[in-house]
């Protein structure tokens, strides 16, 4: 590889990685407010998704790390490169909808009973998704709390009234 990740866009980096891994694929790129979304279409989506989406998460992590590392200044200052969200055949979008539907059911219970609900520990992306989904909700507030003895945090759903 003669190019470094600093010479490449997220799309070009992902194309290079998947090409070296021997995938036949097409990429769709969309720019959104806070991130770049790349959706991969391939004949073998299961290989890229992996068990419970772990391979897809790892691929997204690698692309983000490489893009942010390449974007650091001389003094190693933090990067401001937009987050890259990678999906395969709409898998992440479908999983996210199912995930949020379950969270909405729990939020409706909080609205009805007024009793806070603690969600299980989750990664930063999942917490961000929940905070975004409820940021304009007039009845439910979300709050991240550090899980004792763990790097993970959990979310508490609370009634605003």
Protein backbone atom coordinates (compact mmCIF):
# COMPACT_ATOMS: atom_id res chain seq x y z
CA UNK A 1 0.00 0.00 0.00
CA UNK A 2 1.65 3.19 -1.13
CA UNK A 3 -1.13 5.43 0.17
CA UNK A 4 -1.51 6.22 3.84
CA UNK A 5 -4.90 6.54 5.52
CA UNK A 6 -4.33 10.32 5.67
CA UNK A 7 -4.51 10.41 1.86
CA UNK A 8 -7.84 8.61 1.74
CA UNK A 9 -11.47 9.44 2.44
CA UNK A 10 -13.40 7.01 4.65
CA UNK A 11 -15.01 5.56 1.52
CA UNK A 12 -11.65 5.04 -0.20
CA UNK A 13 -10.17 3.48 2.95
CA UNK A 14 -13.07 1.03 3.27
CA UNK A 15 -12.89 0.19 -0.45
CA UNK A 16 -9.18 -0.54 -0.11
CA UNK A 17 -9.68 -2.72 2.98
CA UNK A 18 -12.54 -4.74 1.48
CA UNK A 19 -10.69 -5.13 -1.83
CA UNK A 20 -7.63 -6.54 -0.06
CA UNK A 21 -9.91 -8.97 1.79
CA UNK A 22 -11.28 -10.22 -1.54
CA UNK A 23 -14.85 -8.94 -1.29
CA UNK A 24 -16.95 -8.07 -4.32
CA UNK A 25 -19.08 -5.14 -3.19
CA UNK A 26 -20.70 -1.79 -3.89
CA UNK A 27 -20.63 1.16 -1.49
CA UNK A 28 -23.28 3.81 -0.94
CA UNK A 29 -22.16 6.95 0.90
CA UNK A 30 -24.43 9.46 2.62
CA UNK A 31 -23.37 12.52 4.59
CA UNK A 32 -25.44 13.21 7.67
CA UNK A 33 -25.20 15.98 10.27
CA UNK A 34 -22.81 14.30 12.66
CA UNK A 35 -21.39 11.42 10.63
CA UNK A 36 -20.69 9.78 7.29
CA UNK A 37 -22.71 6.63 6.59
CA UNK A 38 -21.30 3.91 4.31
CA UNK A 39 -23.61 1.04 3.34
CA UNK A 40 -21.96 -2.04 1.83
CA UNK A 41 -23.82 -4.22 -0.66
CA UNK A 42 -22.26 -7.63 -1.23
CA UNK A 43 -23.15 -11.19 -2.17
CA UNK A 44 -21.90 -12.48 1.18
CA UNK A 45 -23.17 -10.05 3.84
CA UNK A 46 -22.88 -12.61 6.64
CA UNK A 47 -19.07 -12.62 6.43
CA UNK A 48 -18.95 -8.85 6.97
CA UNK A 49 -21.67 -8.76 9.61
CA UNK A 50 -20.33 -11.64 11.69
CA UNK A 51 -21.98 -13.22 14.70
CA UNK A 52 -24.31 -10.68 16.36
CA UNK A 53 -22.74 -7.92 14.24
CA UNK A 54 -19.31 -8.16 15.89
CA UNK A 55 -17.32 -8.21 12.63
CA UNK A 56 -19.23 -5.17 11.40
CA UNK A 57 -18.54 -3.35 14.69
CA UNK A 58 -14.84 -4.22 14.44
CA UNK A 59 -14.66 -2.99 10.83
CA UNK A 60 -16.32 0.30 11.81
CA UNK A 61 -13.95 0.68 14.76
CA UNK A 62 -10.90 0.15 12.53
CA UNK A 63 -12.02 2.67 9.92
CA UNK A 64 -12.76 5.29 12.59
CA UNK A 65 -9.43 4.70 14.35
CA UNK A 66 -7.47 4.91 11.10
CA UNK A 67 -9.29 8.07 9.99
CA UNK A 68 -8.86 9.76 13.36
CA UNK A 69 -5.21 8.73 13.68
CA UNK A 70 -4.46 10.06 10.21
CA UNK A 71 -6.22 13.34 11.02
CA UNK A 72 -4.16 14.10 14.15
CA UNK A 73 -1.86 17.09 14.00
CA UNK A 74 1.90 17.12 14.61
CA UNK A 75 1.47 17.26 18.37
CA UNK A 76 -1.03 14.40 18.41
CA UNK A 77 -3.96 16.72 19.00
CA UNK A 78 -7.40 15.12 19.09
CA UNK A 79 -9.07 14.59 15.74
CA UNK A 80 -12.29 16.22 14.66
CA UNK A 81 -12.95 13.86 11.77
CA UNK A 82 -16.67 13.05 11.49
CA UNK A 83 -17.67 9.63 12.79
CA UNK A 84 -18.05 6.92 10.14
CA UNK A 85 -21.01 4.54 10.47
CA UNK A 86 -20.69 1.36 8.42
CA UNK A 87 -23.66 -0.83 7.57
CA UNK A 88 -24.03 -3.99 5.48
CA UNK A 89 -27.22 -4.45 3.45
CA UNK A 90 -29.14 -2.31 5.99
CA UNK A 91 -28.35 -4.75 8.85
CA UNK A 92 -27.38 -2.06 11.37
CA UNK A 93 -30.41 0.05 10.53
CA UNK A 94 -32.79 -2.91 11.02
CA UNK A 95 -31.09 -3.92 14.29
CA UNK A 96 -31.18 -0.31 15.50
CA UNK A 97 -34.93 -0.08 14.84
CA UNK A 98 -35.58 -3.30 16.78
CA UNK A 99 -33.31 -2.08 19.60
CA UNK A 100 -35.05 1.31 19.81
CA UNK A 101 -38.50 -0.28 19.72
CA UNK A 102 -37.59 -2.25 22.85
CA UNK A 103 -36.24 0.90 24.53
CA UNK A 104 -39.41 2.82 23.60
CA UNK A 105 -41.51 0.12 25.27
CA UNK A 106 -39.48 0.61 28.45
CA UNK A 107 -39.77 4.41 28.13
CA UNK A 108 -43.56 4.11 27.83
CA UNK A 109 -43.55 2.10 31.07
CA UNK A 110 -41.54 4.91 32.72
CA UNK A 111 -44.11 7.45 31.44
CA UNK A 112 -47.01 5.40 32.82
CA UNK A 113 -45.53 4.52 36.21
CA UNK A 114 -43.10 7.37 36.83
CA UNK A 115 -40.56 4.78 38.03
CA UNK A 116 -37.03 5.13 36.57
CA UNK A 117 -35.71 2.21 34.52
CA UNK A 118 -32.02 1.23 34.37
CA UNK A 119 -30.95 -0.25 31.05
CA UNK A 120 -28.10 -2.79 30.87
CA UNK A 121 -24.51 -1.58 30.32
CA UNK A 122 -23.84 -0.73 26.67
CA UNK A 123 -21.23 0.74 24.38
CA UNK A 124 -20.95 4.43 23.49
CA UNK A 125 -22.69 4.09 20.12
CA UNK A 126 -25.74 2.38 21.64
CA UNK A 127 -25.96 5.04 24.38
CA UNK A 128 -25.60 7.82 21.79
CA UNK A 129 -28.42 6.25 19.74
CA UNK A 130 -30.73 6.22 22.77
CA UNK A 131 -29.87 9.79 23.81
CA UNK A 132 -30.55 10.97 20.24
CA UNK A 133 -33.87 9.10 20.07
CA UNK A 134 -35.13 10.73 23.29
CA UNK A 135 -33.50 14.17 23.15
CA UNK A 136 -36.78 15.87 22.16
CA UNK A 137 -39.12 13.63 24.16
CA UNK A 138 -41.25 15.83 26.42
CA UNK A 139 -41.84 13.09 29.00
CA UNK A 140 -38.64 11.02 29.30
CA UNK A 141 -35.07 12.06 30.13
CA UNK A 142 -32.01 9.85 29.56
CA UNK A 143 -28.93 9.88 31.75
CA UNK A 144 -25.67 7.90 31.37
CA UNK A 145 -24.19 6.45 34.56
CA UNK A 146 -20.82 4.72 35.02
CA UNK A 147 -21.21 1.04 35.83
CA UNK A 148 -19.20 0.22 38.97
CA UNK A 149 -16.06 -1.79 38.21
CA UNK A 150 -16.55 -1.57 34.43
CA UNK A 151 -15.60 0.67 31.52
CA UNK A 152 -19.18 0.47 30.26
CA UNK A 153 -21.91 2.88 31.22
CA UNK A 154 -25.63 2.30 31.44
CA UNK A 155 -28.58 4.58 30.79
CA UNK A 156 -31.32 5.45 33.23
CA UNK A 157 -34.69 6.41 31.74
CA UNK A 158 -36.49 8.90 34.00
CA UNK A 159 -39.80 10.71 33.88
CA UNK A 160 -39.48 14.49 33.39
CA UNK A 161 -42.57 15.14 35.51
